[in-house]
N, C-alpha and C. Protein backbone atom coordinates (compact mmCIF):
# COMPACT_ATOMS: atom_id res chain seq x y z
N HIS A 1 0.82 -1.19 0.00
CA HIS A 1 0.00 0.00 0.00
C HIS A 1 0.87 1.26 0.00
N SER A 2 1.93 1.25 0.78
CA SER A 2 2.80 2.42 0.88
C SER A 2 3.43 2.79 -0.45
N PHE A 3 3.89 1.78 -1.20
CA PHE A 3 4.49 2.08 -2.50
C PHE A 3 3.44 2.70 -3.43
N GLY A 4 2.21 2.21 -3.36
CA GLY A 4 1.15 2.78 -4.19
C GLY A 4 0.84 4.21 -3.80
N THR A 5 0.78 4.48 -2.50
CA THR A 5 0.52 5.83 -2.03
C THR A 5 1.60 6.78 -2.49
N LEU A 6 2.85 6.33 -2.41
CA LEU A 6 3.98 7.15 -2.84
C LEU A 6 4.15 7.17 -4.36
N GLU A 7 3.40 6.29 -5.04
CA GLU A 7 3.53 6.10 -6.48
C GLU A 7 4.98 5.82 -6.85
N HIS A 8 5.57 4.93 -6.08
CA HIS A 8 6.96 4.52 -6.27
C HIS A 8 7.00 3.03 -6.54
N THR A 9 7.46 2.64 -7.70
CA THR A 9 7.56 1.23 -8.04
C THR A 9 8.79 0.65 -7.35
N PRO A 10 8.59 -0.39 -6.54
CA PRO A 10 9.74 -0.98 -5.84
C PRO A 10 10.65 -1.71 -6.82
N PRO A 11 11.89 -1.96 -6.40
CA PRO A 11 12.78 -2.76 -7.25
C PRO A 11 12.14 -4.11 -7.58
N ARG A 12 12.47 -4.63 -8.72
CA ARG A 12 11.87 -5.89 -9.19
C ARG A 12 12.02 -7.01 -8.16
N GLU A 13 13.17 -7.12 -7.53
CA GLU A 13 13.40 -8.19 -6.55
C GLU A 13 12.44 -8.07 -5.37
N LEU A 14 12.22 -6.84 -4.89
CA LEU A 14 11.30 -6.63 -3.78
C LEU A 14 9.88 -6.96 -4.19
N TYR A 15 9.49 -6.53 -5.39
CA TYR A 15 8.15 -6.81 -5.90
C TYR A 15 7.92 -8.33 -6.02
N LEU A 16 8.90 -9.04 -6.56
CA LEU A 16 8.76 -10.50 -6.69
C LEU A 16 8.70 -11.18 -5.33
N ALA A 17 9.50 -10.70 -4.38
CA ALA A 17 9.47 -11.26 -3.02
C ALA A 17 8.11 -11.01 -2.37
N TRP A 18 7.55 -9.83 -2.57
CA TRP A 18 6.23 -9.51 -2.01
C TRP A 18 5.17 -10.43 -2.61
N ARG A 19 5.21 -10.60 -3.93
CA ARG A 19 4.23 -11.48 -4.58
C ARG A 19 4.31 -12.90 -4.03
N LEU A 20 5.52 -13.39 -3.83
CA LEU A 20 5.69 -14.74 -3.30
C LEU A 20 5.15 -14.82 -1.87
N ALA A 21 5.48 -13.84 -1.05
CA ALA A 21 5.01 -13.83 0.34
C ALA A 21 3.49 -13.77 0.39
N PHE A 22 2.90 -12.94 -0.44
CA PHE A 22 1.45 -12.80 -0.47
C PHE A 22 0.79 -14.11 -0.90
N ALA A 23 1.35 -14.72 -1.91
CA ALA A 23 0.77 -15.96 -2.45
C ALA A 23 0.87 -17.13 -1.49
N THR A 24 1.86 -17.11 -0.60
CA THR A 24 2.06 -18.25 0.29
C THR A 24 1.50 -18.03 1.70
N LEU A 25 0.90 -16.88 1.96
CA LEU A 25 0.28 -16.64 3.27
C LEU A 25 -0.88 -17.60 3.47
N PRO A 26 -1.04 -18.12 4.67
CA PRO A 26 -2.24 -18.93 4.94
C PRO A 26 -3.49 -18.08 4.73
N ARG A 27 -4.51 -18.65 4.12
CA ARG A 27 -5.73 -17.91 3.77
C ARG A 27 -6.33 -17.17 4.96
N GLY A 28 -6.30 -17.78 6.13
CA GLY A 28 -6.89 -17.17 7.31
C GLY A 28 -6.16 -15.93 7.79
N ARG A 29 -4.95 -15.72 7.33
CA ARG A 29 -4.17 -14.55 7.76
C ARG A 29 -4.36 -13.36 6.85
N LEU A 30 -5.04 -13.56 5.73
CA LEU A 30 -5.26 -12.44 4.80
C LEU A 30 -6.49 -11.65 5.26
N ARG A 31 -6.29 -10.42 5.61
CA ARG A 31 -7.37 -9.55 6.05
C ARG A 31 -7.97 -8.83 4.84
N GLU A 32 -9.24 -8.46 4.99
CA GLU A 32 -9.96 -7.82 3.90
C GLU A 32 -9.23 -6.57 3.41
N GLN A 33 -8.82 -5.73 4.35
CA GLN A 33 -8.17 -4.49 3.95
C GLN A 33 -6.83 -4.76 3.26
N SER A 34 -6.13 -5.81 3.68
CA SER A 34 -4.85 -6.14 3.04
C SER A 34 -5.05 -6.53 1.58
N VAL A 35 -6.08 -7.31 1.32
CA VAL A 35 -6.35 -7.74 -0.05
C VAL A 35 -6.71 -6.52 -0.91
N ALA A 36 -7.63 -5.70 -0.41
CA ALA A 36 -8.06 -4.53 -1.18
C ALA A 36 -6.91 -3.54 -1.35
N SER A 37 -6.14 -3.31 -0.30
CA SER A 37 -5.03 -2.35 -0.37
C SER A 37 -3.93 -2.81 -1.31
N SER A 38 -3.66 -4.10 -1.31
CA SER A 38 -2.61 -4.60 -2.21
C SER A 38 -3.05 -4.46 -3.67
N MET A 39 -4.31 -4.75 -3.95
CA MET A 39 -4.80 -4.61 -5.32
C MET A 39 -4.81 -3.13 -5.72
N TRP A 40 -5.20 -2.27 -4.79
CA TRP A 40 -5.18 -0.82 -5.04
C TRP A 40 -3.76 -0.35 -5.36
N ALA A 41 -2.79 -0.83 -4.58
CA ALA A 41 -1.39 -0.44 -4.80
C ALA A 41 -0.89 -0.92 -6.17
N LEU A 42 -1.24 -2.14 -6.53
CA LEU A 42 -0.85 -2.64 -7.86
C LEU A 42 -1.41 -1.74 -8.95
N ALA A 43 -2.65 -1.33 -8.79
CA ALA A 43 -3.27 -0.46 -9.80
C ALA A 43 -2.59 0.90 -9.85
N LYS A 44 -2.30 1.47 -8.69
CA LYS A 44 -1.61 2.77 -8.66
C LYS A 44 -0.25 2.69 -9.36
N LEU A 45 0.41 1.54 -9.22
CA LEU A 45 1.74 1.35 -9.81
C LEU A 45 1.67 0.79 -11.23
N LYS A 46 0.44 0.57 -11.72
CA LYS A 46 0.21 0.04 -13.06
C LYS A 46 0.88 -1.32 -13.25
N GLN A 47 0.79 -2.15 -12.21
CA GLN A 47 1.35 -3.50 -12.24
C GLN A 47 0.20 -4.50 -12.32
N ARG A 48 0.13 -5.24 -13.39
CA ARG A 48 -0.94 -6.24 -13.52
C ARG A 48 -0.67 -7.40 -12.57
N PRO A 49 -1.67 -7.81 -11.83
CA PRO A 49 -1.48 -8.93 -10.92
C PRO A 49 -1.32 -10.24 -11.69
N SER A 50 -0.59 -11.16 -11.08
CA SER A 50 -0.39 -12.47 -11.71
C SER A 50 -1.67 -13.29 -11.59
N ALA A 51 -1.77 -14.33 -12.40
CA ALA A 51 -2.92 -15.23 -12.33
C ALA A 51 -3.05 -15.88 -10.95
N PRO A 52 -1.94 -16.36 -10.34
CA PRO A 52 -2.08 -16.93 -8.99
C PRO A 52 -2.58 -15.90 -7.96
N TYR A 53 -2.10 -14.66 -8.08
CA TYR A 53 -2.57 -13.61 -7.16
C TYR A 53 -4.07 -13.40 -7.33
N LEU A 54 -4.53 -13.29 -8.59
CA LEU A 54 -5.96 -13.11 -8.83
C LEU A 54 -6.76 -14.29 -8.32
N GLY A 55 -6.25 -15.48 -8.51
CA GLY A 55 -6.94 -16.66 -7.99
C GLY A 55 -7.11 -16.58 -6.48
N LEU A 56 -6.06 -16.17 -5.80
CA LEU A 56 -6.11 -16.01 -4.35
C LEU A 56 -7.09 -14.91 -3.97
N LEU A 57 -7.04 -13.80 -4.68
CA LEU A 57 -7.97 -12.70 -4.41
C LEU A 57 -9.41 -13.15 -4.56
N TYR A 58 -9.71 -13.84 -5.65
CA TYR A 58 -11.08 -14.33 -5.86
C TYR A 58 -11.50 -15.27 -4.74
N GLU A 59 -10.61 -16.15 -4.34
CA GLU A 59 -10.91 -17.12 -3.29
C GLU A 59 -11.19 -16.43 -1.96
N VAL A 60 -10.31 -15.51 -1.58
CA VAL A 60 -10.46 -14.80 -0.31
C VAL A 60 -11.71 -13.93 -0.33
N PHE A 61 -11.96 -13.27 -1.45
CA PHE A 61 -13.13 -12.41 -1.54
C PHE A 61 -14.43 -13.22 -1.47
N ALA A 62 -14.46 -14.36 -2.14
CA ALA A 62 -15.66 -15.19 -2.10
C ALA A 62 -15.99 -15.62 -0.67
N ALA A 63 -14.95 -15.87 0.12
CA ALA A 63 -15.16 -16.32 1.50
C ALA A 63 -15.50 -15.17 2.45
N ASN A 64 -14.98 -13.97 2.17
CA ASN A 64 -15.09 -12.87 3.15
C ASN A 64 -15.61 -11.56 2.58
N GLY A 65 -16.08 -11.54 1.38
CA GLY A 65 -16.44 -10.28 0.72
C GLY A 65 -17.44 -9.43 1.47
N LYS A 66 -18.37 -10.04 2.16
CA LYS A 66 -19.39 -9.26 2.86
C LYS A 66 -18.84 -8.58 4.11
N ARG A 67 -17.61 -8.91 4.49
CA ARG A 67 -16.98 -8.27 5.65
C ARG A 67 -16.15 -7.05 5.25
N TYR A 68 -15.99 -6.81 3.96
CA TYR A 68 -15.19 -5.68 3.49
C TYR A 68 -15.90 -4.37 3.82
N SER A 69 -15.13 -3.35 4.15
CA SER A 69 -15.70 -2.02 4.39
C SER A 69 -16.11 -1.41 3.05
N ALA A 70 -16.90 -0.35 3.11
CA ALA A 70 -17.31 0.35 1.89
C ALA A 70 -16.09 0.84 1.13
N THR A 71 -15.11 1.38 1.85
CA THR A 71 -13.90 1.88 1.19
C THR A 71 -13.12 0.75 0.54
N SER A 72 -12.96 -0.37 1.25
CA SER A 72 -12.23 -1.50 0.68
C SER A 72 -12.93 -2.04 -0.56
N LEU A 73 -14.25 -2.13 -0.51
CA LEU A 73 -15.00 -2.60 -1.67
C LEU A 73 -14.79 -1.69 -2.88
N SER A 74 -14.94 -0.39 -2.65
CA SER A 74 -14.81 0.53 -3.78
C SER A 74 -13.37 0.59 -4.29
N ASN A 75 -12.39 0.54 -3.40
CA ASN A 75 -10.99 0.55 -3.85
C ASN A 75 -10.65 -0.71 -4.63
N LEU A 76 -11.21 -1.83 -4.21
CA LEU A 76 -10.93 -3.09 -4.89
C LEU A 76 -11.49 -3.07 -6.32
N ILE A 77 -12.72 -2.66 -6.47
CA ILE A 77 -13.31 -2.67 -7.81
C ILE A 77 -12.68 -1.57 -8.68
N TRP A 78 -12.31 -0.43 -8.04
CA TRP A 78 -11.61 0.64 -8.77
C TRP A 78 -10.29 0.12 -9.34
N ALA A 79 -9.57 -0.68 -8.55
CA ALA A 79 -8.28 -1.21 -9.00
C ALA A 79 -8.43 -2.03 -10.27
N PHE A 80 -9.46 -2.87 -10.32
CA PHE A 80 -9.70 -3.65 -11.54
C PHE A 80 -9.93 -2.70 -12.72
N GLY A 81 -10.73 -1.67 -12.51
CA GLY A 81 -11.01 -0.72 -13.58
C GLY A 81 -9.76 0.03 -14.01
N LYS A 82 -8.97 0.48 -13.06
CA LYS A 82 -7.74 1.22 -13.35
C LYS A 82 -6.78 0.38 -14.20
N LEU A 83 -6.73 -0.91 -13.91
CA LEU A 83 -5.85 -1.83 -14.65
C LEU A 83 -6.48 -2.31 -15.95
N GLN A 84 -7.70 -1.86 -16.22
CA GLN A 84 -8.45 -2.33 -17.38
C GLN A 84 -8.49 -3.85 -17.42
N LEU A 85 -8.80 -4.40 -16.28
CA LEU A 85 -8.83 -5.84 -16.08
C LEU A 85 -10.22 -6.22 -15.60
N ALA A 86 -11.02 -6.74 -16.49
CA ALA A 86 -12.38 -7.11 -16.10
C ALA A 86 -12.34 -8.36 -15.23
N PRO A 87 -12.88 -8.27 -14.01
CA PRO A 87 -12.88 -9.45 -13.15
C PRO A 87 -13.86 -10.51 -13.64
N LYS A 88 -13.73 -11.70 -13.10
CA LYS A 88 -14.67 -12.77 -13.43
C LYS A 88 -16.08 -12.36 -13.03
N ARG A 89 -17.06 -12.84 -13.78
CA ARG A 89 -18.47 -12.53 -13.47
C ARG A 89 -18.84 -12.98 -12.06
N GLU A 90 -18.33 -14.13 -11.67
CA GLU A 90 -18.63 -14.62 -10.33
C GLU A 90 -18.14 -13.63 -9.27
N PHE A 91 -16.96 -13.08 -9.47
CA PHE A 91 -16.44 -12.07 -8.55
C PHE A 91 -17.38 -10.86 -8.52
N LEU A 92 -17.82 -10.41 -9.70
CA LEU A 92 -18.72 -9.25 -9.76
C LEU A 92 -20.02 -9.53 -9.02
N ARG A 93 -20.54 -10.75 -9.12
CA ARG A 93 -21.76 -11.10 -8.38
C ARG A 93 -21.50 -11.05 -6.87
N PHE A 94 -20.37 -11.61 -6.43
CA PHE A 94 -20.00 -11.52 -5.01
C PHE A 94 -19.84 -10.06 -4.59
N TRP A 95 -19.19 -9.27 -5.45
CA TRP A 95 -18.97 -7.87 -5.12
C TRP A 95 -20.30 -7.14 -4.96
N CYS A 96 -21.23 -7.39 -5.87
CA CYS A 96 -22.55 -6.75 -5.78
C CYS A 96 -23.27 -7.14 -4.49
N SER A 97 -23.16 -8.40 -4.10
CA SER A 97 -23.76 -8.85 -2.83
C SER A 97 -23.13 -8.12 -1.65
N ALA A 98 -21.82 -7.95 -1.69
CA ALA A 98 -21.13 -7.24 -0.61
C ALA A 98 -21.54 -5.77 -0.59
N PHE A 99 -21.72 -5.17 -1.76
CA PHE A 99 -22.18 -3.79 -1.84
C PHE A 99 -23.53 -3.65 -1.15
N LEU A 100 -24.42 -4.61 -1.39
CA LEU A 100 -25.75 -4.54 -0.78
C LEU A 100 -25.66 -4.53 0.75
N VAL A 101 -24.68 -5.26 1.29
CA VAL A 101 -24.48 -5.29 2.74
C VAL A 101 -23.99 -3.93 3.23
N ARG A 102 -23.12 -3.29 2.48
CA ARG A 102 -22.47 -2.04 2.91
C ARG A 102 -23.10 -0.77 2.34
N ARG A 103 -24.16 -0.91 1.62
CA ARG A 103 -24.73 0.23 0.88
C ARG A 103 -24.99 1.45 1.74
N ARG A 104 -25.43 1.27 2.95
CA ARG A 104 -25.74 2.41 3.83
C ARG A 104 -24.49 3.16 4.29
N THR A 105 -23.32 2.53 4.19
CA THR A 105 -22.09 3.20 4.63
C THR A 105 -21.28 3.73 3.44
N MET A 106 -21.80 3.55 2.24
CA MET A 106 -21.10 4.04 1.05
C MET A 106 -21.18 5.56 0.99
N GLN A 107 -20.02 6.18 0.88
CA GLN A 107 -19.94 7.62 0.68
C GLN A 107 -20.05 7.91 -0.81
N PRO A 108 -20.38 9.13 -1.20
CA PRO A 108 -20.52 9.44 -2.63
C PRO A 108 -19.28 9.03 -3.45
N HIS A 109 -18.10 9.24 -2.89
CA HIS A 109 -16.87 8.86 -3.60
C HIS A 109 -16.83 7.35 -3.85
N ASN A 110 -17.20 6.55 -2.84
CA ASN A 110 -17.22 5.09 -2.99
C ASN A 110 -18.16 4.68 -4.12
N VAL A 111 -19.33 5.29 -4.13
CA VAL A 111 -20.34 4.97 -5.14
C VAL A 111 -19.85 5.36 -6.53
N ALA A 112 -19.26 6.54 -6.63
CA ALA A 112 -18.81 7.05 -7.94
C ALA A 112 -17.69 6.20 -8.53
N ILE A 113 -16.68 5.85 -7.72
CA ILE A 113 -15.58 5.08 -8.31
C ILE A 113 -15.99 3.65 -8.60
N SER A 114 -16.97 3.15 -7.86
CA SER A 114 -17.48 1.80 -8.15
C SER A 114 -18.19 1.78 -9.49
N LEU A 115 -19.03 2.76 -9.71
CA LEU A 115 -19.74 2.80 -10.99
C LEU A 115 -18.76 3.06 -12.13
N TRP A 116 -17.76 3.91 -11.90
CA TRP A 116 -16.73 4.15 -12.91
C TRP A 116 -16.07 2.83 -13.31
N ALA A 117 -15.79 1.99 -12.31
CA ALA A 117 -15.15 0.71 -12.60
C ALA A 117 -16.04 -0.15 -13.49
N PHE A 118 -17.33 -0.23 -13.17
CA PHE A 118 -18.24 -1.01 -14.01
C PHE A 118 -18.26 -0.46 -15.43
N ALA A 119 -18.25 0.86 -15.56
CA ALA A 119 -18.23 1.46 -16.90
C ALA A 119 -16.95 1.09 -17.63
N SER A 120 -15.83 1.05 -16.91
CA SER A 120 -14.56 0.70 -17.57
C SER A 120 -14.57 -0.75 -18.07
N PHE A 121 -15.36 -1.61 -17.42
CA PHE A 121 -15.49 -3.01 -17.87
C PHE A 121 -16.50 -3.12 -19.01
N ARG A 122 -17.24 -2.03 -19.23
CA ARG A 122 -18.35 -2.02 -20.17
C ARG A 122 -19.41 -3.05 -19.77
N VAL A 123 -19.66 -3.06 -18.46
CA VAL A 123 -20.66 -3.97 -17.89
C VAL A 123 -21.68 -3.14 -17.15
N SER A 124 -22.94 -3.36 -17.46
CA SER A 124 -24.00 -2.68 -16.73
C SER A 124 -24.22 -3.42 -15.42
N PRO A 125 -24.27 -2.69 -14.30
CA PRO A 125 -24.55 -3.37 -13.03
C PRO A 125 -25.83 -4.20 -13.08
N ALA A 126 -26.82 -3.73 -13.84
CA ALA A 126 -28.08 -4.47 -13.94
C ALA A 126 -27.87 -5.83 -14.61
N ASP A 127 -26.86 -5.96 -15.45
CA ASP A 127 -26.57 -7.25 -16.09
C ASP A 127 -26.00 -8.26 -15.10
N ILE A 128 -25.41 -7.76 -14.02
CA ILE A 128 -24.83 -8.63 -13.00
C ILE A 128 -25.86 -8.98 -11.95
N ASP A 129 -26.57 -7.95 -11.46
CA ASP A 129 -27.48 -8.14 -10.33
C ASP A 129 -28.48 -6.98 -10.33
N ALA A 130 -29.74 -7.26 -10.61
CA ALA A 130 -30.76 -6.21 -10.66
C ALA A 130 -30.91 -5.52 -9.31
N ALA A 131 -30.79 -6.27 -8.22
CA ALA A 131 -30.91 -5.68 -6.88
C ALA A 131 -29.78 -4.68 -6.64
N PHE A 132 -28.59 -4.99 -7.14
CA PHE A 132 -27.47 -4.07 -7.00
C PHE A 132 -27.75 -2.78 -7.75
N ALA A 133 -28.23 -2.89 -8.99
CA ALA A 133 -28.50 -1.70 -9.79
C ALA A 133 -29.52 -0.80 -9.08
N THR A 134 -30.56 -1.38 -8.54
CA THR A 134 -31.57 -0.61 -7.82
C THR A 134 -30.99 0.01 -6.57
N ALA A 135 -30.19 -0.75 -5.83
CA ALA A 135 -29.57 -0.23 -4.60
C ALA A 135 -28.58 0.88 -4.93
N TRP A 136 -27.81 0.71 -6.01
CA TRP A 136 -26.86 1.75 -6.39
C TRP A 136 -27.60 3.04 -6.71
N GLU A 137 -28.68 2.93 -7.48
CA GLU A 137 -29.45 4.13 -7.82
C GLU A 137 -29.98 4.80 -6.56
N GLY A 138 -30.50 4.00 -5.62
CA GLY A 138 -30.99 4.56 -4.36
C GLY A 138 -29.89 5.20 -3.55
N CYS A 139 -28.73 4.58 -3.53
CA CYS A 139 -27.57 5.11 -2.82
C CYS A 139 -27.15 6.44 -3.43
N PHE A 140 -27.17 6.51 -4.74
CA PHE A 140 -26.79 7.74 -5.43
C PHE A 140 -27.75 8.87 -5.08
N VAL A 141 -29.05 8.55 -5.10
CA VAL A 141 -30.07 9.56 -4.78
C VAL A 141 -29.91 10.03 -3.33
N GLU A 142 -29.72 9.08 -2.40
CA GLU A 142 -29.56 9.43 -0.98
C GLU A 142 -28.35 10.32 -0.76
N ASN A 143 -27.27 10.04 -1.44
CA ASN A 143 -26.03 10.80 -1.25
C ASN A 143 -26.04 12.12 -2.01
N SER A 144 -26.95 12.28 -2.96
CA SER A 144 -26.99 13.51 -3.75
C SER A 144 -27.83 14.59 -3.11
N SER A 145 -28.68 14.22 -2.18
CA SER A 145 -29.59 15.22 -1.61
C SER A 145 -29.04 15.85 -0.36
């Protein structure tokens, strides 16, 4: 996360060591914010995640996605959009379900960057989950007034 905040790409050896450490962590030790922050940092640094990293991300998110904060959810989906990397449909369905859990805590910024990400995938939220599309619209109206 720190390298992403500083917009400083670490040396290749450090980046490869981080990827290995992340990939070999026991699943139970990966916290929601760590997963979202690492993906956000990769996007800030314009580093495409490896297939094993994405597999791990999908697995961890499927198990714990509804525990993610509004900020972690929006940063995670923003990272996919920033990298122009459309996530798997199953991930998007899980993400929409998690959004429904956190919808009341979504700030306007969270809502805006989430929708931007869907637009970057050229995917209508309604195509993934009609309840999400309705909730997003309601969230937008609530935050606009």
